[in-house]
């Protein structure tokens, strides 16, 4: 089994509507943009991909260094990737190899999009107030759909009762994202996708040694 960025994209593609609350999209957008300006970022993700459940840890030393470890939780080997500038290397358990130009470009573009999200791409959110999540008080926001064409100000209704809801939590002290998740209503403790963010003081990312030719 091999997990790819394409399978990850399937997980990230859904947003759902919720009850009408205050529009707080600007707060979330500013927080996400501020995250991309941090020198060191660590994202720990648990998700369900088309290949099954997986865990991914991605570390960034901005602006142009990334290390990613994608680990399937059922079967298969972990896949590691390192990006430094415009070059990339991968290791699927058989040693480090320089990534072909197409795969390297995909990894570089993934890094760029992850670090520097465009303001308009963050999406629409409404406030859901302060919540205690694993012992931390965080400000919560729920994703909402854009109004359908020709109906200004009206939200799109969910297509099914089980449509997943996207939640984002910000640290009220720093204003930075603390976690985000995608889950079906009533199953927020069992998310389809969950990402936890931390901001270490230092992350060292260097090109791998012993690269196979």
N, C-alpha and C. Protein backbone atom coordinates (compact mmCIF):
# COMPACT_ATOMS: atom_id res chain seq x y z
N UNK A 1 0.85 -1.20 0.00
CA UNK A 1 0.00 0.00 0.00
C UNK A 1 0.87 1.24 0.00
N UNK A 2 0.56 2.20 -0.87
CA UNK A 2 1.32 3.43 -0.93
C UNK A 2 0.36 4.60 -0.81
N UNK A 3 0.56 5.44 0.17
CA UNK A 3 -0.26 6.63 0.34
C UNK A 3 0.36 7.76 -0.46
N UNK A 4 -0.48 8.57 -1.08
CA UNK A 4 -0.01 9.66 -1.92
C UNK A 4 -0.68 10.96 -1.51
N UNK A 5 -0.14 12.07 -2.02
CA UNK A 5 -0.77 13.36 -1.76
C UNK A 5 -2.17 13.41 -2.33
N UNK A 6 -2.42 12.64 -3.41
CA UNK A 6 -3.76 12.60 -3.98
C UNK A 6 -4.78 12.00 -3.03
N UNK A 7 -4.37 10.94 -2.31
CA UNK A 7 -5.29 10.34 -1.35
C UNK A 7 -5.56 11.24 -0.18
N UNK A 8 -4.55 12.05 0.19
CA UNK A 8 -4.74 13.01 1.28
C UNK A 8 -5.74 14.08 0.85
N UNK A 9 -5.68 14.51 -0.40
CA UNK A 9 -6.55 15.57 -0.87
C UNK A 9 -8.01 15.18 -0.75
N UNK A 10 -8.33 13.88 -0.89
CA UNK A 10 -9.71 13.43 -0.76
C UNK A 10 -10.24 13.72 0.64
N UNK A 11 -9.38 13.53 1.64
CA UNK A 11 -9.78 13.76 3.02
C UNK A 11 -10.08 15.22 3.27
N UNK A 12 -9.31 16.12 2.62
CA UNK A 12 -9.41 17.54 2.90
C UNK A 12 -10.47 18.25 2.08
N UNK A 13 -11.22 17.53 1.27
CA UNK A 13 -12.08 18.20 0.31
C UNK A 13 -13.47 18.57 0.78
N UNK A 14 -13.89 18.20 2.02
CA UNK A 14 -15.27 18.40 2.43
C UNK A 14 -15.41 19.47 3.49
N UNK A 15 -16.38 20.35 3.30
CA UNK A 15 -16.79 21.31 4.31
C UNK A 15 -18.29 21.18 4.46
N UNK A 16 -18.82 21.46 5.66
CA UNK A 16 -20.25 21.30 5.88
C UNK A 16 -20.86 22.53 6.48
N UNK A 17 -22.17 22.69 6.29
CA UNK A 17 -22.89 23.83 6.85
C UNK A 17 -23.34 23.52 8.26
N UNK A 18 -23.59 24.56 9.05
CA UNK A 18 -24.08 24.40 10.41
C UNK A 18 -25.08 25.47 10.71
N UNK A 19 -25.62 25.52 11.95
CA UNK A 19 -26.57 26.54 12.34
C UNK A 19 -25.97 27.93 12.18
N UNK A 20 -26.83 28.91 11.91
CA UNK A 20 -26.35 30.27 11.67
C UNK A 20 -25.78 30.89 12.94
N UNK A 21 -24.49 31.20 12.93
CA UNK A 21 -23.82 31.89 14.01
C UNK A 21 -23.04 33.04 13.41
N UNK A 22 -22.35 33.80 14.25
CA UNK A 22 -21.60 34.95 13.75
C UNK A 22 -20.51 34.52 12.78
N UNK A 23 -20.36 35.28 11.70
CA UNK A 23 -19.32 35.00 10.70
C UNK A 23 -17.97 35.44 11.26
N UNK A 24 -17.08 34.47 11.45
CA UNK A 24 -15.75 34.74 12.01
C UNK A 24 -14.66 34.32 11.04
N UNK A 25 -14.97 34.36 9.75
CA UNK A 25 -14.04 33.89 8.73
C UNK A 25 -12.72 34.66 8.77
N UNK A 26 -12.80 35.97 9.03
CA UNK A 26 -11.59 36.79 9.03
C UNK A 26 -10.62 36.35 10.12
N UNK A 27 -11.16 36.00 11.31
CA UNK A 27 -10.30 35.57 12.41
C UNK A 27 -9.53 34.30 12.03
N UNK A 28 -10.22 33.37 11.40
CA UNK A 28 -9.57 32.11 11.02
C UNK A 28 -8.54 32.37 9.91
N UNK A 29 -8.90 33.20 8.93
CA UNK A 29 -7.99 33.49 7.84
C UNK A 29 -6.72 34.16 8.33
N UNK A 30 -6.86 35.12 9.24
CA UNK A 30 -5.68 35.80 9.78
C UNK A 30 -4.81 34.84 10.58
N UNK A 31 -5.44 33.91 11.32
CA UNK A 31 -4.68 32.94 12.11
C UNK A 31 -3.89 31.99 11.20
N UNK A 32 -4.53 31.51 10.13
CA UNK A 32 -3.86 30.60 9.21
C UNK A 32 -2.71 31.31 8.50
N UNK A 33 -2.94 32.55 8.08
CA UNK A 33 -1.87 33.31 7.44
C UNK A 33 -0.72 33.58 8.40
N UNK A 34 -1.04 33.83 9.67
CA UNK A 34 -0.01 34.05 10.67
C UNK A 34 0.78 32.77 10.92
N UNK A 35 0.11 31.63 10.85
CA UNK A 35 0.80 30.35 11.02
C UNK A 35 1.91 30.19 9.99
N UNK A 36 1.63 30.58 8.75
CA UNK A 36 2.61 30.45 7.69
C UNK A 36 3.82 31.34 7.85
N UNK A 37 3.72 32.31 8.74
CA UNK A 37 4.83 33.23 8.98
C UNK A 37 5.73 32.78 10.14
N UNK A 38 5.34 31.67 10.80
CA UNK A 38 6.15 31.15 11.89
C UNK A 38 7.41 30.49 11.33
N UNK A 39 8.51 30.59 12.04
CA UNK A 39 9.76 30.02 11.56
C UNK A 39 9.72 28.50 11.57
N UNK A 40 9.15 27.92 12.63
CA UNK A 40 9.11 26.45 12.74
C UNK A 40 7.68 26.01 13.05
N UNK A 41 7.21 25.01 12.31
CA UNK A 41 5.84 24.52 12.45
C UNK A 41 5.87 23.00 12.42
N UNK A 42 5.07 22.39 13.30
CA UNK A 42 4.92 20.93 13.30
C UNK A 42 3.44 20.58 13.24
N UNK A 43 3.07 19.73 12.29
CA UNK A 43 1.69 19.31 12.13
C UNK A 43 1.61 17.79 12.29
N UNK A 44 0.82 17.35 13.24
CA UNK A 44 0.63 15.91 13.47
C UNK A 44 -0.80 15.56 13.09
N UNK A 45 -0.94 14.71 12.09
CA UNK A 45 -2.25 14.44 11.48
C UNK A 45 -2.63 12.98 11.60
N UNK A 46 -3.88 12.74 11.98
CA UNK A 46 -4.47 11.41 11.90
C UNK A 46 -5.64 11.51 10.93
N UNK A 47 -5.72 10.59 9.99
CA UNK A 47 -6.72 10.71 8.95
C UNK A 47 -7.06 9.35 8.36
N UNK A 48 -8.16 9.34 7.62
CA UNK A 48 -8.57 8.15 6.89
C UNK A 48 -8.47 8.49 5.41
N UNK A 49 -7.59 7.80 4.70
CA UNK A 49 -7.38 8.02 3.28
C UNK A 49 -8.05 6.90 2.49
N UNK A 50 -7.98 6.98 1.17
CA UNK A 50 -8.54 5.92 0.33
C UNK A 50 -7.80 4.61 0.54
N UNK A 51 -6.59 4.67 1.13
CA UNK A 51 -5.81 3.46 1.41
C UNK A 51 -5.98 2.99 2.85
N UNK A 52 -6.82 3.68 3.65
CA UNK A 52 -7.02 3.29 5.04
C UNK A 52 -6.52 4.35 6.00
N UNK A 53 -6.61 4.07 7.32
CA UNK A 53 -6.17 5.06 8.31
C UNK A 53 -4.66 5.26 8.26
N UNK A 54 -4.24 6.49 8.52
CA UNK A 54 -2.82 6.81 8.44
C UNK A 54 -2.50 7.96 9.40
N UNK A 55 -1.23 8.05 9.74
CA UNK A 55 -0.72 9.16 10.54
C UNK A 55 0.37 9.86 9.74
N UNK A 56 0.34 11.19 9.78
CA UNK A 56 1.35 11.95 9.07
C UNK A 56 1.90 13.04 9.99
N UNK A 57 3.21 13.14 10.04
CA UNK A 57 3.88 14.21 10.77
C UNK A 57 4.66 15.04 9.76
N UNK A 58 4.37 16.34 9.72
CA UNK A 58 5.07 17.23 8.81
C UNK A 58 5.70 18.35 9.62
N UNK A 59 6.97 18.59 9.36
CA UNK A 59 7.70 19.67 10.03
C UNK A 59 8.20 20.64 8.98
N UNK A 60 8.13 21.93 9.30
CA UNK A 60 8.56 22.98 8.39
C UNK A 60 9.60 23.86 9.07
N UNK A 61 10.65 24.16 8.35
CA UNK A 61 11.57 25.23 8.72
C UNK A 61 11.43 26.24 7.58
N UNK A 62 10.56 27.21 7.76
CA UNK A 62 10.21 28.12 6.68
C UNK A 62 11.41 28.99 6.29
N UNK A 63 11.49 29.41 5.05
CA UNK A 63 10.41 29.32 4.05
C UNK A 63 10.49 28.13 3.10
N UNK A 64 11.55 27.32 3.13
CA UNK A 64 11.71 26.36 2.04
C UNK A 64 12.23 24.99 2.46
N UNK A 65 11.91 24.58 3.69
CA UNK A 65 12.34 23.25 4.13
C UNK A 65 11.18 22.50 4.78
N UNK A 66 11.04 21.23 4.41
CA UNK A 66 9.95 20.41 4.94
C UNK A 66 10.41 18.97 5.10
N UNK A 67 9.97 18.34 6.17
CA UNK A 67 10.17 16.90 6.36
C UNK A 67 8.81 16.29 6.65
N UNK A 68 8.48 15.23 5.93
CA UNK A 68 7.17 14.57 6.07
C UNK A 68 7.35 13.08 6.27
N UNK A 69 6.64 12.52 7.23
CA UNK A 69 6.63 11.07 7.45
C UNK A 69 5.17 10.63 7.43
N UNK A 70 4.81 9.82 6.45
CA UNK A 70 3.45 9.33 6.28
C UNK A 70 3.42 7.84 6.60
N UNK A 71 2.69 7.46 7.65
CA UNK A 71 2.71 6.09 8.16
C UNK A 71 1.33 5.47 8.09
N UNK A 72 1.12 4.43 7.29
CA UNK A 72 -0.16 3.71 7.31
C UNK A 72 -0.32 2.96 8.62
N UNK A 73 -1.54 2.94 9.15
CA UNK A 73 -1.76 2.30 10.45
C UNK A 73 -2.26 0.87 10.33
N UNK A 74 -2.39 0.36 9.11
CA UNK A 74 -2.84 -1.03 8.92
C UNK A 74 -1.70 -1.89 8.39
N UNK A 75 -1.23 -1.57 7.21
CA UNK A 75 -0.12 -2.33 6.62
C UNK A 75 0.66 -1.42 5.69
N UNK A 76 1.83 -1.85 5.32
CA UNK A 76 2.67 -1.05 4.45
C UNK A 76 3.74 -0.30 5.21
N UNK A 77 4.69 0.27 4.48
CA UNK A 77 5.83 0.95 5.08
C UNK A 77 5.58 2.45 5.14
N UNK A 78 6.24 3.08 6.10
CA UNK A 78 6.20 4.53 6.18
C UNK A 78 6.95 5.12 4.99
N UNK A 79 6.45 6.24 4.51
CA UNK A 79 7.10 6.95 3.41
C UNK A 79 7.58 8.30 3.94
N UNK A 80 8.89 8.53 3.83
CA UNK A 80 9.47 9.79 4.29
C UNK A 80 9.84 10.67 3.11
N UNK A 81 9.70 11.97 3.29
CA UNK A 81 10.07 12.92 2.25
C UNK A 81 10.77 14.10 2.89
N UNK A 82 11.75 14.65 2.20
CA UNK A 82 12.44 15.86 2.63
C UNK A 82 12.50 16.81 1.45
N UNK A 83 12.19 18.07 1.70
CA UNK A 83 12.29 19.12 0.68
C UNK A 83 13.24 20.19 1.20
N UNK A 84 14.21 20.55 0.38
CA UNK A 84 15.11 21.67 0.68
C UNK A 84 15.19 22.51 -0.59
N UNK A 85 14.63 23.70 -0.54
CA UNK A 85 14.58 24.53 -1.74
C UNK A 85 13.71 23.90 -2.80
N UNK A 86 14.27 23.65 -3.99
CA UNK A 86 13.51 23.05 -5.08
C UNK A 86 13.84 21.57 -5.26
N UNK A 87 14.62 21.00 -4.35
CA UNK A 87 14.98 19.59 -4.45
C UNK A 87 14.22 18.78 -3.40
N UNK A 88 13.96 17.51 -3.71
CA UNK A 88 13.23 16.65 -2.80
C UNK A 88 13.79 15.24 -2.85
N UNK A 89 13.69 14.54 -1.72
CA UNK A 89 14.16 13.16 -1.60
C UNK A 89 13.06 12.35 -0.91
N UNK A 90 12.98 11.07 -1.25
CA UNK A 90 11.98 10.20 -0.63
C UNK A 90 12.64 8.91 -0.16
N UNK A 91 12.01 8.28 0.83
CA UNK A 91 12.49 7.02 1.39
C UNK A 91 11.28 6.18 1.74
N UNK A 92 11.05 5.11 1.00
CA UNK A 92 9.90 4.23 1.27
C UNK A 92 10.31 2.98 2.04
N UNK A 93 11.43 3.07 2.75
CA UNK A 93 11.92 1.94 3.51
C UNK A 93 13.08 1.23 2.85
N UNK A 94 13.45 1.69 1.66
CA UNK A 94 14.55 1.06 0.92
C UNK A 94 15.71 2.01 0.71
N UNK A 95 15.77 3.06 1.53
CA UNK A 95 16.86 4.02 1.42
C UNK A 95 16.42 5.29 0.71
N UNK A 96 17.19 6.34 0.91
CA UNK A 96 16.86 7.64 0.33
C UNK A 96 17.20 7.68 -1.16
N UNK A 97 16.28 8.28 -1.93
CA UNK A 97 16.49 8.51 -3.35
C UNK A 97 16.05 9.93 -3.68
N UNK A 98 16.74 10.55 -4.63
CA UNK A 98 16.29 11.86 -5.08
C UNK A 98 15.00 11.68 -5.88
N UNK A 99 14.00 12.49 -5.55
CA UNK A 99 12.71 12.36 -6.21
C UNK A 99 12.79 12.81 -7.66
N UNK A 100 12.11 12.10 -8.56
CA UNK A 100 12.04 12.55 -9.96
C UNK A 100 11.44 13.95 -10.02
N UNK A 101 11.68 14.66 -11.11
CA UNK A 101 11.29 16.06 -11.20
C UNK A 101 9.80 16.28 -10.96
N UNK A 102 8.94 15.39 -11.50
CA UNK A 102 7.50 15.55 -11.31
C UNK A 102 7.09 15.40 -9.87
N UNK A 103 7.62 14.37 -9.20
CA UNK A 103 7.29 14.14 -7.79
C UNK A 103 7.90 15.23 -6.92
N UNK A 104 9.10 15.67 -7.24
CA UNK A 104 9.73 16.75 -6.48
C UNK A 104 8.91 18.02 -6.57
N UNK A 105 8.42 18.34 -7.76
CA UNK A 105 7.61 19.54 -7.95
C UNK A 105 6.32 19.44 -7.15
N UNK A 106 5.73 18.24 -7.10
CA UNK A 106 4.51 18.03 -6.32
C UNK A 106 4.76 18.28 -4.84
N UNK A 107 5.86 17.77 -4.32
CA UNK A 107 6.20 17.97 -2.92
C UNK A 107 6.50 19.43 -2.61
N UNK A 108 7.22 20.10 -3.51
CA UNK A 108 7.54 21.51 -3.31
C UNK A 108 6.26 22.34 -3.30
N UNK A 109 5.37 22.08 -4.25
CA UNK A 109 4.12 22.83 -4.31
C UNK A 109 3.24 22.55 -3.09
N UNK A 110 3.24 21.31 -2.61
CA UNK A 110 2.50 20.97 -1.39
C UNK A 110 3.04 21.77 -0.21
N UNK A 111 4.37 21.87 -0.11
CA UNK A 111 4.99 22.65 0.97
C UNK A 111 4.59 24.12 0.87
N UNK A 112 4.66 24.67 -0.32
CA UNK A 112 4.33 26.09 -0.51
C UNK A 112 2.88 26.36 -0.14
N UNK A 113 1.96 25.52 -0.60
CA UNK A 113 0.54 25.73 -0.29
C UNK A 113 0.28 25.57 1.20
N UNK A 114 0.96 24.63 1.84
CA UNK A 114 0.75 24.40 3.26
C UNK A 114 1.22 25.57 4.11
N UNK A 115 2.33 26.18 3.72
CA UNK A 115 2.91 27.27 4.51
C UNK A 115 2.20 28.59 4.23
N UNK A 116 1.97 28.89 2.97
CA UNK A 116 1.47 30.21 2.59
C UNK A 116 0.10 30.09 1.94
N UNK A 117 -0.92 29.79 2.74
CA UNK A 117 -2.26 29.69 2.20
C UNK A 117 -2.78 31.08 1.83
N UNK A 118 -3.42 31.14 0.68
CA UNK A 118 -3.99 32.40 0.24
C UNK A 118 -5.22 32.72 1.08
N UNK A 119 -5.38 33.99 1.43
CA UNK A 119 -6.46 34.44 2.30
C UNK A 119 -7.81 33.89 1.85
N UNK A 120 -8.12 34.00 0.54
CA UNK A 120 -9.42 33.60 0.05
C UNK A 120 -9.62 32.09 0.07
N UNK A 121 -8.55 31.31 0.21
CA UNK A 121 -8.66 29.86 0.15
C UNK A 121 -8.96 29.23 1.51
N UNK A 122 -8.93 30.03 2.57
CA UNK A 122 -9.12 29.47 3.91
C UNK A 122 -10.54 29.01 4.12
N UNK A 123 -11.52 29.69 3.50
CA UNK A 123 -12.91 29.28 3.62
C UNK A 123 -13.71 30.13 4.58
N UNK A 124 -14.99 29.81 4.72
CA UNK A 124 -15.92 30.56 5.57
C UNK A 124 -16.11 29.82 6.89
N UNK A 125 -16.14 30.58 7.99
CA UNK A 125 -16.30 29.99 9.31
C UNK A 125 -17.22 30.83 10.18
N UNK A 126 -17.89 30.16 11.13
CA UNK A 126 -18.70 30.85 12.12
C UNK A 126 -18.18 30.51 13.51
N UNK A 127 -18.34 31.43 14.45
CA UNK A 127 -17.84 31.24 15.81
C UNK A 127 -18.71 30.23 16.57
N UNK A 128 -18.08 29.38 17.36
CA UNK A 128 -18.84 28.48 18.23
C UNK A 128 -18.42 28.65 19.69
N UNK A 129 -17.58 29.66 19.97
CA UNK A 129 -17.22 29.98 21.36
C UNK A 129 -16.00 29.24 21.87
N UNK A 130 -15.71 29.49 23.15
CA UNK A 130 -14.56 28.87 23.80
C UNK A 130 -14.90 27.47 24.28
N UNK A 131 -14.02 26.51 24.02
CA UNK A 131 -14.21 25.14 24.45
C UNK A 131 -12.94 24.62 25.11
N UNK A 132 -13.08 23.67 26.02
CA UNK A 132 -11.93 23.01 26.61
C UNK A 132 -11.66 21.73 25.84
N UNK A 133 -10.50 21.67 25.20
CA UNK A 133 -10.13 20.53 24.37
C UNK A 133 -8.84 19.93 24.92
N UNK A 134 -8.95 18.71 25.46
CA UNK A 134 -7.81 18.02 26.06
C UNK A 134 -7.09 18.93 27.06
N UNK A 135 -7.88 19.58 27.91
CA UNK A 135 -7.33 20.39 28.99
C UNK A 135 -6.94 21.80 28.61
N UNK A 136 -7.09 22.18 27.34
CA UNK A 136 -6.75 23.53 26.89
C UNK A 136 -8.00 24.29 26.51
N UNK A 137 -8.07 25.55 26.92
CA UNK A 137 -9.17 26.41 26.49
C UNK A 137 -8.83 27.00 25.13
N UNK A 138 -9.66 26.70 24.13
CA UNK A 138 -9.42 27.14 22.77
C UNK A 138 -10.68 27.79 22.20
N UNK A 139 -10.50 28.69 21.25
CA UNK A 139 -11.63 29.30 20.56
C UNK A 139 -11.99 28.43 19.36
N UNK A 140 -13.27 28.08 19.25
CA UNK A 140 -13.71 27.17 18.21
C UNK A 140 -14.44 27.87 17.07
N UNK A 141 -14.28 27.32 15.86
CA UNK A 141 -14.91 27.85 14.66
C UNK A 141 -15.37 26.69 13.79
N UNK A 142 -16.57 26.82 13.21
CA UNK A 142 -17.11 25.74 12.38
C UNK A 142 -17.20 26.21 10.94
N UNK A 143 -16.78 25.35 10.00
CA UNK A 143 -16.83 25.68 8.59
C UNK A 143 -18.25 25.75 8.07
N UNK A 144 -18.51 26.70 7.19
CA UNK A 144 -19.82 26.85 6.57
C UNK A 144 -19.64 26.91 5.07
N UNK A 145 -20.70 26.54 4.35
CA UNK A 145 -20.65 26.56 2.89
C UNK A 145 -20.82 27.97 2.37
N UNK A 146 -20.28 28.21 1.18
CA UNK A 146 -20.51 29.48 0.48
C UNK A 146 -21.96 29.52 0.00
N UNK A 147 -22.55 30.74 -0.14
CA UNK A 147 -23.90 30.84 -0.71
C UNK A 147 -23.92 30.30 -2.13
N UNK A 148 -25.01 29.61 -2.52
CA UNK A 148 -25.09 29.11 -3.90
C UNK A 148 -25.21 30.27 -4.88
N UNK A 149 -24.79 30.09 -6.13
CA UNK A 149 -24.85 31.17 -7.12
C UNK A 149 -26.26 31.73 -7.25
N UNK A 150 -26.37 33.06 -7.30
CA UNK A 150 -27.65 33.72 -7.50
C UNK A 150 -28.49 33.87 -6.26
N UNK A 151 -27.99 33.40 -5.09
CA UNK A 151 -28.75 33.52 -3.85
C UNK A 151 -27.84 34.15 -2.80
N UNK A 152 -27.63 35.47 -2.88
CA UNK A 152 -26.71 36.14 -1.94
C UNK A 152 -27.13 35.95 -0.50
N UNK A 153 -26.14 35.61 0.35
CA UNK A 153 -26.39 35.53 1.78
C UNK A 153 -27.03 34.26 2.26
N UNK A 154 -27.41 33.35 1.36
CA UNK A 154 -28.05 32.10 1.77
C UNK A 154 -27.05 30.97 1.75
N UNK A 155 -26.99 30.21 2.83
CA UNK A 155 -26.05 29.10 2.92
C UNK A 155 -26.59 27.87 2.20
N UNK A 156 -25.69 27.07 1.71
CA UNK A 156 -26.05 25.81 1.09
C UNK A 156 -26.48 24.81 2.16
N UNK A 157 -27.56 24.11 1.94
CA UNK A 157 -28.00 23.09 2.88
C UNK A 157 -27.15 21.83 2.73
N UNK A 158 -26.89 21.12 3.83
CA UNK A 158 -26.14 19.86 3.72
C UNK A 158 -26.87 18.88 2.82
N UNK A 159 -26.12 18.13 2.02
CA UNK A 159 -26.74 17.16 1.12
C UNK A 159 -27.23 15.93 1.87
N UNK A 160 -26.61 15.58 2.98
CA UNK A 160 -27.04 14.45 3.79
C UNK A 160 -26.89 14.81 5.26
N UNK A 161 -27.59 14.09 6.11
CA UNK A 161 -27.49 14.34 7.53
C UNK A 161 -26.13 13.96 8.09
N UNK A 162 -25.41 13.12 7.36
CA UNK A 162 -24.11 12.65 7.85
C UNK A 162 -22.95 13.44 7.25
N UNK A 163 -23.23 14.57 6.59
CA UNK A 163 -22.17 15.34 5.97
C UNK A 163 -21.20 15.83 7.04
N UNK A 164 -19.92 15.71 6.75
CA UNK A 164 -18.89 16.03 7.75
C UNK A 164 -18.82 17.53 8.02
N UNK A 165 -18.44 17.84 9.23
CA UNK A 165 -18.30 19.22 9.69
C UNK A 165 -16.82 19.50 9.92
N UNK A 166 -16.35 20.67 9.49
CA UNK A 166 -14.97 21.07 9.72
C UNK A 166 -14.92 22.04 10.90
N UNK A 167 -14.04 21.75 11.85
CA UNK A 167 -13.84 22.61 13.01
C UNK A 167 -12.38 23.04 13.08
N UNK A 168 -12.17 24.30 13.45
CA UNK A 168 -10.84 24.84 13.65
C UNK A 168 -10.78 25.46 15.03
N UNK A 169 -9.69 25.22 15.76
CA UNK A 169 -9.51 25.77 17.11
C UNK A 169 -8.26 26.63 17.13
N UNK A 170 -8.39 27.85 17.70
CA UNK A 170 -7.27 28.77 17.81
C UNK A 170 -6.86 28.92 19.27
N UNK A 171 -5.58 29.11 19.49
CA UNK A 171 -5.06 29.41 20.82
C UNK A 171 -5.35 30.88 21.12
N UNK A 172 -6.16 31.18 22.15
CA UNK A 172 -6.52 32.58 22.41
C UNK A 172 -5.33 33.44 22.85
N UNK A 173 -4.27 32.80 23.34
CA UNK A 173 -3.09 33.56 23.79
C UNK A 173 -2.22 34.00 22.62
N UNK A 174 -2.04 33.13 21.65
CA UNK A 174 -1.15 33.44 20.52
C UNK A 174 -1.91 33.83 19.26
N UNK A 175 -3.19 33.44 19.19
CA UNK A 175 -3.96 33.66 17.97
C UNK A 175 -3.65 32.69 16.86
N UNK A 176 -2.80 31.70 17.13
CA UNK A 176 -2.40 30.73 16.11
C UNK A 176 -3.31 29.49 16.14
N UNK A 177 -3.45 28.81 15.00
CA UNK A 177 -4.20 27.56 14.99
C UNK A 177 -3.59 26.53 15.94
N UNK A 178 -4.45 25.86 16.71
CA UNK A 178 -4.00 24.81 17.62
C UNK A 178 -4.35 23.43 17.09
N UNK A 179 -5.50 23.33 16.43
CA UNK A 179 -5.91 22.06 15.84
C UNK A 179 -7.07 22.29 14.88
N UNK A 180 -7.29 21.32 14.00
CA UNK A 180 -8.46 21.33 13.14
C UNK A 180 -8.90 19.89 12.94
N UNK A 181 -10.18 19.72 12.64
CA UNK A 181 -10.68 18.36 12.43
C UNK A 181 -11.86 18.37 11.48
N UNK A 182 -12.12 17.21 10.92
CA UNK A 182 -13.25 16.97 10.04
C UNK A 182 -13.96 15.73 10.58
N UNK A 183 -15.23 15.89 10.95
CA UNK A 183 -15.95 14.77 11.57
C UNK A 183 -17.43 14.86 11.26
N UNK A 184 -18.12 13.74 11.34
CA UNK A 184 -19.56 13.71 11.14
C UNK A 184 -20.26 14.17 12.42
N UNK A 185 -21.39 14.86 12.30
CA UNK A 185 -22.13 15.30 13.50
C UNK A 185 -22.41 14.13 14.43
N UNK A 186 -22.16 14.35 15.72
CA UNK A 186 -22.37 13.30 16.70
C UNK A 186 -21.17 12.40 16.91
N UNK A 187 -20.14 12.56 16.07
CA UNK A 187 -18.94 11.73 16.16
C UNK A 187 -17.67 12.59 16.16
N UNK A 188 -17.75 13.72 16.86
CA UNK A 188 -16.60 14.62 16.89
C UNK A 188 -15.41 14.01 17.61
N UNK A 189 -15.66 13.00 18.47
CA UNK A 189 -14.57 12.32 19.16
C UNK A 189 -13.91 11.25 18.28
N UNK A 190 -14.48 11.02 17.09
CA UNK A 190 -13.92 10.04 16.16
C UNK A 190 -13.80 10.71 14.78
N UNK A 191 -12.93 11.70 14.67
CA UNK A 191 -12.84 12.46 13.42
C UNK A 191 -12.30 11.66 12.25
N UNK A 192 -12.73 12.03 11.05
CA UNK A 192 -12.17 11.46 9.84
C UNK A 192 -10.75 11.99 9.64
N UNK A 193 -10.57 13.23 10.04
CA UNK A 193 -9.29 13.92 9.88
C UNK A 193 -9.07 14.82 11.08
N UNK A 194 -7.88 14.76 11.68
CA UNK A 194 -7.55 15.65 12.79
C UNK A 194 -6.09 16.06 12.70
N UNK A 195 -5.84 17.36 12.86
CA UNK A 195 -4.49 17.88 12.76
C UNK A 195 -4.20 18.75 13.97
N UNK A 196 -3.06 18.49 14.62
CA UNK A 196 -2.64 19.24 15.80
C UNK A 196 -1.37 20.01 15.45
N UNK A 197 -1.35 21.30 15.81
CA UNK A 197 -0.24 22.17 15.44
C UNK A 197 0.57 22.59 16.66
N UNK A 198 1.88 22.55 16.53
CA UNK A 198 2.78 23.09 17.54
C UNK A 198 3.85 23.91 16.83
N UNK A 199 4.53 24.75 17.61
CA UNK A 199 5.49 25.69 17.05
C UNK A 199 6.78 25.62 17.86
N UNK A 200 7.63 24.62 17.55
CA UNK A 200 8.88 24.42 18.31
C UNK A 200 9.82 25.61 18.14
N UNK A 201 10.76 25.71 19.07
CA UNK A 201 11.78 26.76 19.00
C UNK A 201 12.81 26.48 17.91
N UNK A 202 12.96 25.19 17.56
CA UNK A 202 13.98 24.83 16.56
C UNK A 202 13.61 23.52 15.88
N UNK A 203 13.74 23.48 14.55
CA UNK A 203 13.61 22.26 13.77
C UNK A 203 14.73 22.26 12.73
N UNK A 204 15.56 21.23 12.75
CA UNK A 204 16.65 21.11 11.78
C UNK A 204 16.23 20.17 10.65
N UNK A 205 16.27 20.67 9.43
CA UNK A 205 15.95 19.86 8.26
C UNK A 205 17.09 20.02 7.25
N UNK A 206 17.80 18.93 6.98
CA UNK A 206 18.92 18.94 6.06
C UNK A 206 18.72 17.87 4.99
N UNK A 207 19.39 18.00 3.85
CA UNK A 207 19.30 16.93 2.84
C UNK A 207 19.78 15.61 3.43
N UNK A 208 19.17 14.50 3.05
CA UNK A 208 19.56 13.20 3.62
C UNK A 208 20.95 12.78 3.17
N UNK A 209 21.59 11.99 4.01
CA UNK A 209 22.91 11.43 3.66
C UNK A 209 22.69 10.05 3.02
N UNK A 210 23.74 9.54 2.39
CA UNK A 210 23.69 8.20 1.78
C UNK A 210 22.56 8.06 0.78
N UNK A 211 22.39 9.04 -0.08
CA UNK A 211 21.36 8.98 -1.12
C UNK A 211 21.80 8.00 -2.21
N UNK A 212 20.89 7.08 -2.58
CA UNK A 212 21.19 6.11 -3.61
C UNK A 212 21.11 6.75 -4.98
N UNK A 213 22.03 6.37 -5.83
CA UNK A 213 22.05 6.90 -7.19
C UNK A 213 21.09 6.13 -8.08
